[in-house]
Structures are given as structure tokens and as C-alpha cells.
Amino acid sequence: MNDLAGRTALVTGGGRGIGAAIAWTLARRGATVSVLARNMAQVVDVAARIRSEGLEAFAFQCDVADQAQVRDATLAAREAMGQVDLLVNNAGTAPSNPLKRVTLEEWNHVMAVNATGTFLFSQAVLPGMMERGWGRVVNVASIAGLMGGKYISAYTASKHAVVGFTRAVATEVEGTGVTVNAVCPGYVDTPLTDDALDRIVHLTGKSSDEARAMLLGQVGQSRLITADEVAGAVLDLCLDSAASVNGEAIVLDGKDGWV
């Protein structure tokens, strides 16, 4: 299917995991994709593999917490693709620490990447979408943006900020042909989750299986979600058929259907 033919997409945090899966999914449905991340080698590899299937993709290096880099990357993506129709704010970081061990530096970094990065890219591309009368912004939040969990106070606060930001900006774009939504996956089978599990094992002395059971139990999951499942939800929100979906925070918890 080519239901995104003629559309252009910018995906942050696209070098691995969820972001790479989203970039692949959008490209395979016809979109020209710009893949962004701090790790240039990773996004170059993702874009090259997408192009190897005869699809269109570009790679750009960007730290989403740096306003100048966001401006430059947005301009570069526009020069490469012409415009940005679809924005997926996926870049994120997820450290794990008991509250007493969270430093101000860690707190500020998590907020900068997860929340400020979402703000900066949305502010950069939304005006163009609204002028053209069509656009989709999908913010990859987390189920932690709707509830709490042990050892993830900074991450939880940042994802609550993303959900609140999504709902607020959705009211500003209502009626313009642009939508702003969030997907809120539980724990996903990605390197980021592996890193979080390793930290919990290190901090608590729990086994890997015990740490995994603890994480899944906090959010009522029976299994890890796949990156492709998250990408599928993002895709659905990017289609013309999703024009009436705005300001939603869609939970992906490994159960049948959306919550």
C-alpha cells in the first residue's frame, strides 16, 4: 500500500528501536523519510537500508535538546524533502534511579531530551503544516506519562509533560487539518528497555527475570511490546483516515486493541 505516497516524514530518535521501526513503516507506506538522531552512524545505516528497498530516506544528525541543532536539522530536512508533513517525536532517554539518587543533572537531561525536544521540533514544523492545511504530529510518550512507577521519577515526569503538551497543542491546531496525538506504549522490546533492566539489576541485586517481572507488573503487561506494534499505531495516526483523532493519548499495553 502507498497511502502515504507524496507525504514527507521527520522521525527523531530514528537510529534504532522504535524510531527505526517507525521510519521503516512510514517509508514502506510511501512516505519520504528523514531519520534523525545524535548517533550519525546509526541513522545513516537506517536510511541506507531503507533506500536499498527502493524507498526514499535521508539521515541527519541532531541533538533534540539543542535548539540550534533542531533548527538546522529541520531546515536540512525541508531542503531534502520540500516540506515536513509528518513529525514523529520519538527521541528519548530513560534512566532508572531511586529518587534519592536522581541528580539535578540527570533530571534536567531527561526533561530536555524527552519534553523539550518534543516542544522544539513541534514549534519548528507546526506553522508550515497549519499554513498548508494538513499535517500529523505524533509524540511517542509512554504509559508512564499516565501513571507512576518505581525508579523512574524523572522519566515519568517528562512523559507526563509530553502527554500534557500533546493535549494542549491539539487544542491550538483544531480545525486546521493538522492533528497532534501521542502514543503511550508500555515497556517495549528495545535496547532502551534492556538498558533500564540492566540498571535495575545493578541497583537492586535482582536477577534479570525478576527485574523484567517488576517492570511489567508495574503497568500490568504480560509481555514486552514490539517496536513494530508501536510503529503500526503511529502509522494509523498519520493517515488521512485519522483526521478526526486529535489530542489523544493512545495506550499500547500488549492487549488486544487500543485502550
C-alpha atoms as a PDB file:
ATOM      1  CA  MET A   1       0.000   0.000   0.000  1.00  0.00           C
ATOM      2  CA  ASN A   2       1.138   3.544  -0.764  1.00  0.00           C
ATOM      3  CA  ASP A   3      -1.360   5.526   1.300  1.00  0.00           C
ATOM      4  CA  LEU A   4       1.424   7.923   2.341  1.00  0.00           C
ATOM      5  CA  ALA A   5       2.705   8.481  -1.198  1.00  0.00           C
ATOM      6  CA  GLY A   6       3.706  12.104  -1.642  1.00  0.00           C
ATOM      7  CA  ARG A   7       3.965  12.678   2.112  1.00  0.00           C
ATOM      8  CA  THR A   8       7.191  13.551   3.894  1.00  0.00           C
ATOM      9  CA  ALA A   9       8.118  12.485   7.410  1.00  0.00           C
ATOM     10  CA  LEU A  10      10.659  13.517  10.025  1.00  0.00           C
ATOM     11  CA  VAL A  11      11.380  10.927  12.727  1.00  0.00           C
ATOM     12  CA  THR A  12      13.570  11.788  15.715  1.00  0.00           C
ATOM     13  CA  GLY A  13      15.451   9.110  17.594  1.00  0.00           C
ATOM     14  CA  GLY A  14      15.371   7.090  14.401  1.00  0.00           C
ATOM     15  CA  GLY A  15      18.670   5.262  14.685  1.00  0.00           C
ATOM     16  CA  ARG A  16      17.406   2.180  16.486  1.00  0.00           C
ATOM     17  CA  GLY A  17      14.472   0.612  18.295  1.00  0.00           C
ATOM     18  CA  ILE A  18      11.083   2.266  17.997  1.00  0.00           C
ATOM     19  CA  GLY A  19      12.324   5.160  15.861  1.00  0.00           C
ATOM     20  CA  ALA A  20      13.912   2.894  13.270  1.00  0.00           C
ATOM     21  CA  ALA A  21      10.747   0.772  13.120  1.00  0.00           C
ATOM     22  CA  ILE A  22       8.634   3.900  12.608  1.00  0.00           C
ATOM     23  CA  ALA A  23      10.910   5.175   9.831  1.00  0.00           C
ATOM     24  CA  TRP A  24      10.732   1.817   8.043  1.00  0.00           C
ATOM     25  CA  THR A  25       6.953   1.611   8.408  1.00  0.00           C
ATOM     26  CA  LEU A  26       6.285   5.100   7.060  1.00  0.00           C
ATOM     27  CA  ALA A  27       8.714   4.615   4.176  1.00  0.00           C
ATOM     28  CA  ARG A  28       7.155   1.304   3.197  1.00  0.00           C
ATOM     29  CA  ARG A  29       3.764   3.020   3.033  1.00  0.00           C
ATOM     30  CA  GLY A  30       5.108   5.576   0.560  1.00  0.00           C
ATOM     31  CA  ALA A  31       6.475   8.463   2.637  1.00  0.00           C
ATOM     32  CA  THR A  32       9.850  10.085   2.073  1.00  0.00           C
ATOM     33  CA  VAL A  33      11.530   9.898   5.472  1.00  0.00           C
ATOM     34  CA  SER A  34      14.196  11.945   7.232  1.00  0.00           C
ATOM     35  CA  VAL A  35      15.734   9.972  10.087  1.00  0.00           C
ATOM     36  CA  LEU A  36      17.367  11.951  12.899  1.00  0.00           C
ATOM     37  CA  ALA A  37      19.443  11.028  15.932  1.00  0.00           C
ATOM     38  CA  ARG A  38      22.598  12.053  17.785  1.00  0.00           C
ATOM     39  CA  ASN A  39      24.365   8.923  16.516  1.00  0.00           C
ATOM     40  CA  MET A  40      25.036   9.719  12.863  1.00  0.00           C
ATOM     41  CA  ALA A  41      26.309   6.232  12.032  1.00  0.00           C
ATOM     42  CA  GLN A  42      23.038   4.688  13.171  1.00  0.00           C
ATOM     43  CA  VAL A  43      20.757   6.965  11.149  1.00  0.00           C
ATOM     44  CA  VAL A  44      22.975   6.684   8.078  1.00  0.00           C
ATOM     45  CA  ASP A  45      22.632   2.907   8.326  1.00  0.00           C
ATOM     46  CA  VAL A  46      18.833   3.056   8.765  1.00  0.00           C
ATOM     47  CA  ALA A  47      18.424   5.438   5.817  1.00  0.00           C
ATOM     48  CA  ALA A  48      20.723   3.346   3.625  1.00  0.00           C
ATOM     49  CA  ARG A  49      18.779   0.176   4.347  1.00  0.00           C
ATOM     50  CA  ILE A  50      15.503   1.942   3.576  1.00  0.00           C
ATOM     51  CA  ARG A  51      16.911   3.177   0.269  1.00  0.00           C
ATOM     52  CA  SER A  52      18.117  -0.354  -0.514  1.00  0.00           C
ATOM     53  CA  GLU A  53      14.438  -1.285  -0.884  1.00  0.00           C
ATOM     54  CA  GLY A  54      13.962   1.444  -3.478  1.00  0.00           C
ATOM     55  CA  LEU A  55      12.389   3.811  -0.939  1.00  0.00           C
ATOM     56  CA  GLU A  56      13.343   7.410  -0.142  1.00  0.00           C
ATOM     57  CA  ALA A  57      15.186   8.299   3.062  1.00  0.00           C
ATOM     58  CA  PHE A  58      17.657  10.854   4.379  1.00  0.00           C
ATOM     59  CA  ALA A  59      19.798  10.901   7.520  1.00  0.00           C
ATOM     60  CA  PHE A  60      20.630  13.894   9.700  1.00  0.00           C
ATOM     61  CA  GLN A  61      22.467  14.252  12.980  1.00  0.00           C
ATOM     62  CA  CYS A  62      20.661  16.151  15.716  1.00  0.00           C
ATOM     63  CA  ASP A  63      20.551  16.501  19.485  1.00  0.00           C
ATOM     64  CA  VAL A  64      16.863  17.231  20.050  1.00  0.00           C
ATOM     65  CA  ALA A  65      17.615  19.179  23.233  1.00  0.00           C
ATOM     66  CA  ASP A  66      19.757  21.706  21.337  1.00  0.00           C
ATOM     67  CA  GLN A  67      17.659  24.475  19.786  1.00  0.00           C
ATOM     68  CA  ALA A  68      20.251  25.393  17.161  1.00  0.00           C
ATOM     69  CA  GLN A  69      20.637  21.778  16.050  1.00  0.00           C
ATOM     70  CA  VAL A  70      16.856  21.374  15.846  1.00  0.00           C
ATOM     71  CA  ARG A  71      16.629  24.478  13.664  1.00  0.00           C
ATOM     72  CA  ASP A  72      19.433  23.305  11.393  1.00  0.00           C
ATOM     73  CA  ALA A  73      18.109  19.738  11.120  1.00  0.00           C
ATOM     74  CA  THR A  74      14.617  20.964  10.314  1.00  0.00           C
ATOM     75  CA  LEU A  75      15.969  23.229   7.577  1.00  0.00           C
ATOM     76  CA  ALA A  76      18.080  20.386   6.171  1.00  0.00           C
ATOM     77  CA  ALA A  77      15.099  18.038   6.126  1.00  0.00           C
ATOM     78  CA  ARG A  78      12.989  20.655   4.363  1.00  0.00           C
ATOM     79  CA  GLU A  79      15.696  21.205   1.774  1.00  0.00           C
ATOM     80  CA  ALA A  80      15.903  17.463   1.155  1.00  0.00           C
ATOM     81  CA  MET A  81      12.169  16.716   1.106  1.00  0.00           C
ATOM     82  CA  GLY A  82      10.499  20.049   0.328  1.00  0.00           C
ATOM     83  CA  GLN A  83       8.403  20.165   3.490  1.00  0.00           C
ATOM     84  CA  VAL A  84       7.500  18.147   6.585  1.00  0.00           C
ATOM     85  CA  ASP A  85       4.020  16.611   6.566  1.00  0.00           C
ATOM     86  CA  LEU A  86       4.513  14.081   9.355  1.00  0.00           C
ATOM     87  CA  LEU A  87       6.503  14.681  12.535  1.00  0.00           C
ATOM     88  CA  VAL A  88       7.189  11.829  14.927  1.00  0.00           C
ATOM     89  CA  ASN A  89       8.815  12.997  18.152  1.00  0.00           C
ATOM     90  CA  ASN A  90      10.339   9.729  19.279  1.00  0.00           C
ATOM     91  CA  ALA A  91      13.773  10.609  20.668  1.00  0.00           C
ATOM     92  CA  GLY A  92      14.005   9.772  24.338  1.00  0.00           C
ATOM     93  CA  THR A  93      16.086   8.672  27.273  1.00  0.00           C
ATOM     94  CA  ALA A  94      15.012   6.523  30.209  1.00  0.00           C
ATOM     95  CA  PRO A  95      17.399   6.310  33.156  1.00  0.00           C
ATOM     96  CA  SER A  96      16.372   4.358  36.254  1.00  0.00           C
ATOM     97  CA  ASN A  97      17.227   5.531  39.765  1.00  0.00           C
ATOM     98  CA  PRO A  98      15.561   5.745  43.175  1.00  0.00           C
ATOM     99  CA  LEU A  99      14.548   9.336  43.863  1.00  0.00           C
ATOM    100  CA  LYS A 100      17.343   9.830  46.406  1.00  0.00           C
ATOM    101  CA  ARG A 101      19.908   9.041  43.699  1.00  0.00           C
ATOM    102  CA  VAL A 102      18.471  11.251  40.953  1.00  0.00           C
ATOM    103  CA  THR A 103      20.832  14.175  40.403  1.00  0.00           C
ATOM    104  CA  LEU A 104      19.720  17.538  39.126  1.00  0.00           C
ATOM    105  CA  GLU A 105      21.891  16.947  36.067  1.00  0.00           C
ATOM    106  CA  GLU A 106      20.065  13.687  35.315  1.00  0.00           C
ATOM    107  CA  TRP A 107      16.671  15.303  35.892  1.00  0.00           C
ATOM    108  CA  ASN A 108      17.438  18.214  33.576  1.00  0.00           C
ATOM    109  CA  HIS A 109      18.825  15.923  30.869  1.00  0.00           C
ATOM    110  CA  VAL A 110      15.753  13.680  30.853  1.00  0.00           C
ATOM    111  CA  MET A 111      13.403  16.659  30.705  1.00  0.00           C
ATOM    112  CA  ALA A 112      15.474  18.278  27.952  1.00  0.00           C
ATOM    113  CA  VAL A 113      15.501  15.217  25.692  1.00  0.00           C
ATOM    114  CA  ASN A 114      12.003  13.878  26.296  1.00  0.00           C
ATOM    115  CA  ALA A 115       9.970  17.045  26.791  1.00  0.00           C
ATOM    116  CA  THR A 116      11.951  19.995  25.443  1.00  0.00           C
ATOM    117  CA  GLY A 117      12.930  18.113  22.280  1.00  0.00           C
ATOM    118  CA  THR A 118       9.262  17.435  21.577  1.00  0.00           C
ATOM    119  CA  PHE A 119       8.478  21.117  22.091  1.00  0.00           C
ATOM    120  CA  LEU A 120      11.318  22.351  19.874  1.00  0.00           C
ATOM    121  CA  PHE A 121      10.521  20.168  16.871  1.00  0.00           C
ATOM    122  CA  SER A 122       6.771  20.762  17.164  1.00  0.00           C
ATOM    123  CA  GLN A 123       7.335  24.503  17.246  1.00  0.00           C
ATOM    124  CA  ALA A 124       9.629  24.240  14.229  1.00  0.00           C
ATOM    125  CA  VAL A 125       7.281  22.331  11.919  1.00  0.00           C
ATOM    126  CA  LEU A 126       3.706  23.045  13.018  1.00  0.00           C
ATOM    127  CA  PRO A 127       3.416  26.516  11.436  1.00  0.00           C
ATOM    128  CA  GLY A 128       4.164  25.079   7.986  1.00  0.00           C
ATOM    129  CA  MET A 129       1.637  22.287   8.461  1.00  0.00           C
ATOM    130  CA  MET A 130      -1.045  24.758   9.507  1.00  0.00           C
ATOM    131  CA  GLU A 131      -0.319  27.027   6.538  1.00  0.00           C
ATOM    132  CA  ARG A 132      -0.747  24.068   4.158  1.00  0.00           C
ATOM    133  CA  GLY A 133      -3.867  22.828   5.969  1.00  0.00           C
ATOM    134  CA  TRP A 134      -2.595  19.296   6.569  1.00  0.00           C
ATOM    135  CA  GLY A 135      -0.187  17.651   8.965  1.00  0.00           C
ATOM    136  CA  ARG A 136       0.287  14.971  11.576  1.00  0.00           C
ATOM    137  CA  VAL A 137       2.337  15.181  14.757  1.00  0.00           C
ATOM    138  CA  VAL A 138       2.705  12.010  16.782  1.00  0.00           C
ATOM    139  CA  ASN A 139       4.559  12.158  20.077  1.00  0.00           C
ATOM    140  CA  VAL A 140       5.918   8.908  21.453  1.00  0.00           C
ATOM    141  CA  ALA A 141       5.143   9.266  25.133  1.00  0.00           C
ATOM    142  CA  SER A 142       4.759   6.287  27.450  1.00  0.00           C
ATOM    143  CA  ILE A 143       2.292   4.608  29.719  1.00  0.00           C
ATOM    144  CA  ALA A 144       4.482   6.240  32.373  1.00  0.00           C
ATOM    145  CA  GLY A 145       3.026   9.516  31.123  1.00  0.00           C
ATOM    146  CA  LEU A 146      -0.322   8.432  32.551  1.00  0.00           C
ATOM    147  CA  MET A 147       0.743   6.649  35.730  1.00  0.00           C
ATOM    148  CA  GLY A 148       3.739   6.211  38.021  1.00  0.00           C
ATOM    149  CA  GLY A 149       6.399   3.575  38.554  1.00  0.00           C
ATOM    150  CA  LYS A 150       9.367   2.782  40.775  1.00  0.00           C
ATOM    151  CA  TYR A 151      12.796   4.196  39.995  1.00  0.00           C
ATOM    152  CA  ILE A 152      11.624   6.294  37.015  1.00  0.00           C
ATOM    153  CA  SER A 153      10.590   9.602  38.599  1.00  0.00           C
ATOM    154  CA  ALA A 154      12.413  11.797  36.076  1.00  0.00           C
ATOM    155  CA  TYR A 155      11.253   9.723  33.113  1.00  0.00           C
ATOM    156  CA  THR A 156       7.669   9.662  34.398  1.00  0.00           C
ATOM    157  CA  ALA A 157       7.621  13.423  34.907  1.00  0.00           C
ATOM    158  CA  SER A 158       8.979  14.018  31.407  1.00  0.00           C
ATOM    159  CA  LYS A 159       6.419  11.766  29.769  1.00  0.00           C
ATOM    160  CA  HIS A 160       3.576  13.361  31.724  1.00  0.00           C
ATOM    161  CA  ALA A 161       4.863  16.617  30.250  1.00  0.00           C
ATOM    162  CA  VAL A 162       4.728  15.144  26.734  1.00  0.00           C
ATOM    163  CA  VAL A 163       1.124  13.990  27.211  1.00  0.00           C
ATOM    164  CA  GLY A 164       0.081  17.365  28.598  1.00  0.00           C
ATOM    165  CA  PHE A 165       1.879  19.169  25.790  1.00  0.00           C
ATOM    166  CA  THR A 166       0.132  16.959  23.238  1.00  0.00           C
ATOM    167  CA  ARG A 167      -3.298  17.751  24.625  1.00  0.00           C
ATOM    168  CA  ALA A 168      -2.609  21.475  24.848  1.00  0.00           C
ATOM    169  CA  VAL A 169      -1.213  21.865  21.324  1.00  0.00           C
ATOM    170  CA  ALA A 170      -4.033  19.729  19.909  1.00  0.00           C
ATOM    171  CA  THR A 171      -6.469  22.438  21.009  1.00  0.00           C
ATOM    172  CA  GLU A 172      -4.437  25.044  19.108  1.00  0.00           C
ATOM    173  CA  VAL A 173      -4.490  23.141  15.813  1.00  0.00           C
ATOM    174  CA  GLU A 174      -8.098  22.004  15.987  1.00  0.00           C
ATOM    175  CA  GLY A 175      -9.917  22.706  12.735  1.00  0.00           C
ATOM    176  CA  THR A 176      -6.754  23.405  10.727  1.00  0.00           C
ATOM    177  CA  GLY A 177      -6.335  19.983   9.109  1.00  0.00           C
ATOM    178  CA  VAL A 178      -3.466  19.216  11.482  1.00  0.00           C
ATOM    179  CA  THR A 179      -3.652  16.729  14.335  1.00  0.00           C
ATOM    180  CA  VAL A 180      -1.423  16.203  17.367  1.00  0.00           C
ATOM    181  CA  ASN A 181      -1.582  12.912  19.206  1.00  0.00           C
ATOM    182  CA  ALA A 182       0.525  10.734  21.472  1.00  0.00           C
ATOM    183  CA  VAL A 183       1.090   7.017  21.687  1.00  0.00           C
ATOM    184  CA  CYS A 184       1.770   5.674  25.158  1.00  0.00           C
ATOM    185  CA  PRO A 185       3.395   2.268  24.961  1.00  0.00           C
ATOM    186  CA  GLY A 186       4.247   0.195  27.968  1.00  0.00           C
ATOM    187  CA  TYR A 187       7.635  -1.457  28.048  1.00  0.00           C
ATOM    188  CA  VAL A 188       8.888  -2.194  24.535  1.00  0.00           C
ATOM    189  CA  ASP A 189      11.449  -4.774  23.467  1.00  0.00           C
ATOM    190  CA  THR A 190      14.200  -2.302  22.591  1.00  0.00           C
ATOM    191  CA  PRO A 191      17.788  -1.536  23.634  1.00  0.00           C
ATOM    192  CA  LEU A 192      16.423   1.285  25.822  1.00  0.00           C
ATOM    193  CA  THR A 193      14.425  -1.200  27.895  1.00  0.00           C
ATOM    194  CA  ASP A 194      17.437  -3.506  28.061  1.00  0.00           C
ATOM    195  CA  ASP A 195      19.463  -0.614  29.469  1.00  0.00           C
ATOM    196  CA  ALA A 196      16.793   0.101  32.086  1.00  0.00           C
ATOM    197  CA  LEU A 197      16.710  -3.560  33.127  1.00  0.00           C
ATOM    198  CA  ASP A 198      20.485  -3.634  33.458  1.00  0.00           C
ATOM    199  CA  ARG A 199      20.383  -0.600  35.729  1.00  0.00           C
ATOM    200  CA  ILE A 200      17.692  -2.117  37.940  1.00  0.00           C
ATOM    201  CA  VAL A 201      19.707  -5.326  38.254  1.00  0.00           C
ATOM    202  CA  HIS A 202      22.750  -3.271  39.207  1.00  0.00           C
ATOM    203  CA  LEU A 203      20.901  -1.090  41.730  1.00  0.00           C
ATOM    204  CA  THR A 204      18.743  -3.741  43.411  1.00  0.00           C
ATOM    205  CA  GLY A 205      20.631  -7.008  43.024  1.00  0.00           C
ATOM    206  CA  LYS A 206      17.582  -8.584  41.420  1.00  0.00           C
ATOM    207  CA  SER A 207      18.021 -11.125  38.650  1.00  0.00           C
ATOM    208  CA  SER A 208      17.204 -10.143  35.059  1.00  0.00           C
ATOM    209  CA  ASP A 209      13.975 -12.142  35.205  1.00  0.00           C
ATOM    210  CA  GLU A 210      12.973 -10.506  38.493  1.00  0.00           C
ATOM    211  CA  ALA A 211      13.711  -7.039  37.134  1.00  0.00           C
ATOM    212  CA  ARG A 212      11.655  -7.740  33.998  1.00  0.00           C
ATOM    213  CA  ALA A 213       8.757  -9.082  36.063  1.00  0.00           C
ATOM    214  CA  MET A 214       8.850  -5.981  38.250  1.00  0.00           C
ATOM    215  CA  LEU A 215       8.747  -3.619  35.281  1.00  0.00           C
ATOM    216  CA  LEU A 216       5.936  -5.461  33.534  1.00  0.00           C
ATOM    217  CA  GLY A 217       3.974  -5.813  36.769  1.00  0.00           C
ATOM    218  CA  GLN A 218       4.008  -2.058  37.358  1.00  0.00           C
ATOM    219  CA  VAL A 219       1.984  -1.464  34.198  1.00  0.00           C
ATOM    220  CA  GLY A 220       0.010  -4.711  34.037  1.00  0.00           C
ATOM    221  CA  GLN A 221       1.837  -6.091  30.998  1.00  0.00           C
ATOM    222  CA  SER A 222       2.221  -9.809  30.403  1.00  0.00           C
ATOM    223  CA  ARG A 223       4.870  -9.323  27.706  1.00  0.00           C
ATOM    224  CA  LEU A 224       7.090  -6.728  26.112  1.00  0.00           C
ATOM    225  CA  ILE A 225       5.520  -4.832  23.220  1.00  0.00           C
ATOM    226  CA  THR A 226       7.347  -4.938  19.895  1.00  0.00           C
ATOM    227  CA  ALA A 227       8.691  -1.848  18.181  1.00  0.00           C
ATOM    228  CA  ASP A 228       6.618  -2.761  15.126  1.00  0.00           C
ATOM    229  CA  GLU A 229       3.436  -2.578  17.203  1.00  0.00           C
ATOM    230  CA  VAL A 230       4.271   0.975  18.219  1.00  0.00           C
ATOM    231  CA  ALA A 231       5.138   1.827  14.615  1.00  0.00           C
ATOM    232  CA  GLY A 232       1.770   0.475  13.497  1.00  0.00           C
ATOM    233  CA  ALA A 233      -0.072   2.740  15.922  1.00  0.00           C
ATOM    234  CA  VAL A 234       1.951   5.738  14.751  1.00  0.00           C
ATOM    235  CA  LEU A 235       1.166   4.882  11.140  1.00  0.00           C
ATOM    236  CA  ASP A 236      -2.568   4.746  11.825  1.00  0.00           C
ATOM    237  CA  LEU A 237      -2.437   8.265  13.287  1.00  0.00           C
ATOM    238  CA  CYS A 238      -0.591   9.558  10.212  1.00  0.00           C
ATOM    239  CA  LEU A 239      -3.220   8.521   7.678  1.00  0.00           C
ATOM    240  CA  ASP A 240      -5.898  10.694   6.112  1.00  0.00           C
ATOM    241  CA  SER A 241      -8.460   8.478   7.820  1.00  0.00           C
ATOM    242  CA  ALA A 242      -7.255   9.710  11.240  1.00  0.00           C
ATOM    243  CA  ALA A 243      -8.340  13.308  10.594  1.00  0.00           C
ATOM    244  CA  SER A 244     -10.837  13.242  13.466  1.00  0.00           C
ATOM    245  CA  VAL A 245      -8.364  11.862  16.022  1.00  0.00           C
ATOM    246  CA  ASN A 246      -6.770  14.787  17.859  1.00  0.00           C
ATOM    247  CA  GLY A 247      -5.381  15.264  21.351  1.00  0.00           C
ATOM    248  CA  GLU A 248      -5.476  11.558  22.172  1.00  0.00           C
ATOM    249  CA  ALA A 249      -3.006   9.615  24.294  1.00  0.00           C
ATOM    250  CA  ILE A 250      -3.350   6.073  22.983  1.00  0.00           C
ATOM    251  CA  VAL A 251      -2.205   3.329  25.335  1.00  0.00           C
ATOM    252  CA  LEU A 252      -0.391   0.300  23.923  1.00  0.00           C
ATOM    253  CA  ASP A 253      -0.147  -2.309  26.649  1.00  0.00           C
ATOM    254  CA  GLY A 254       0.201  -5.569  24.739  1.00  0.00           C
ATOM    255  CA  LYS A 255      -3.504  -6.368  24.963  1.00  0.00           C
ATOM    256  CA  ASP A 256      -5.896  -6.582  22.033  1.00  0.00           C
ATOM    257  CA  GLY A 257      -6.874  -3.209  20.606  1.00  0.00           C
ATOM    258  CA  TRP A 258      -6.219   0.327  21.799  1.00  0.00           C
ATOM    259  CA  VAL A 259      -7.229   1.473  25.278  1.00  0.00           C
END
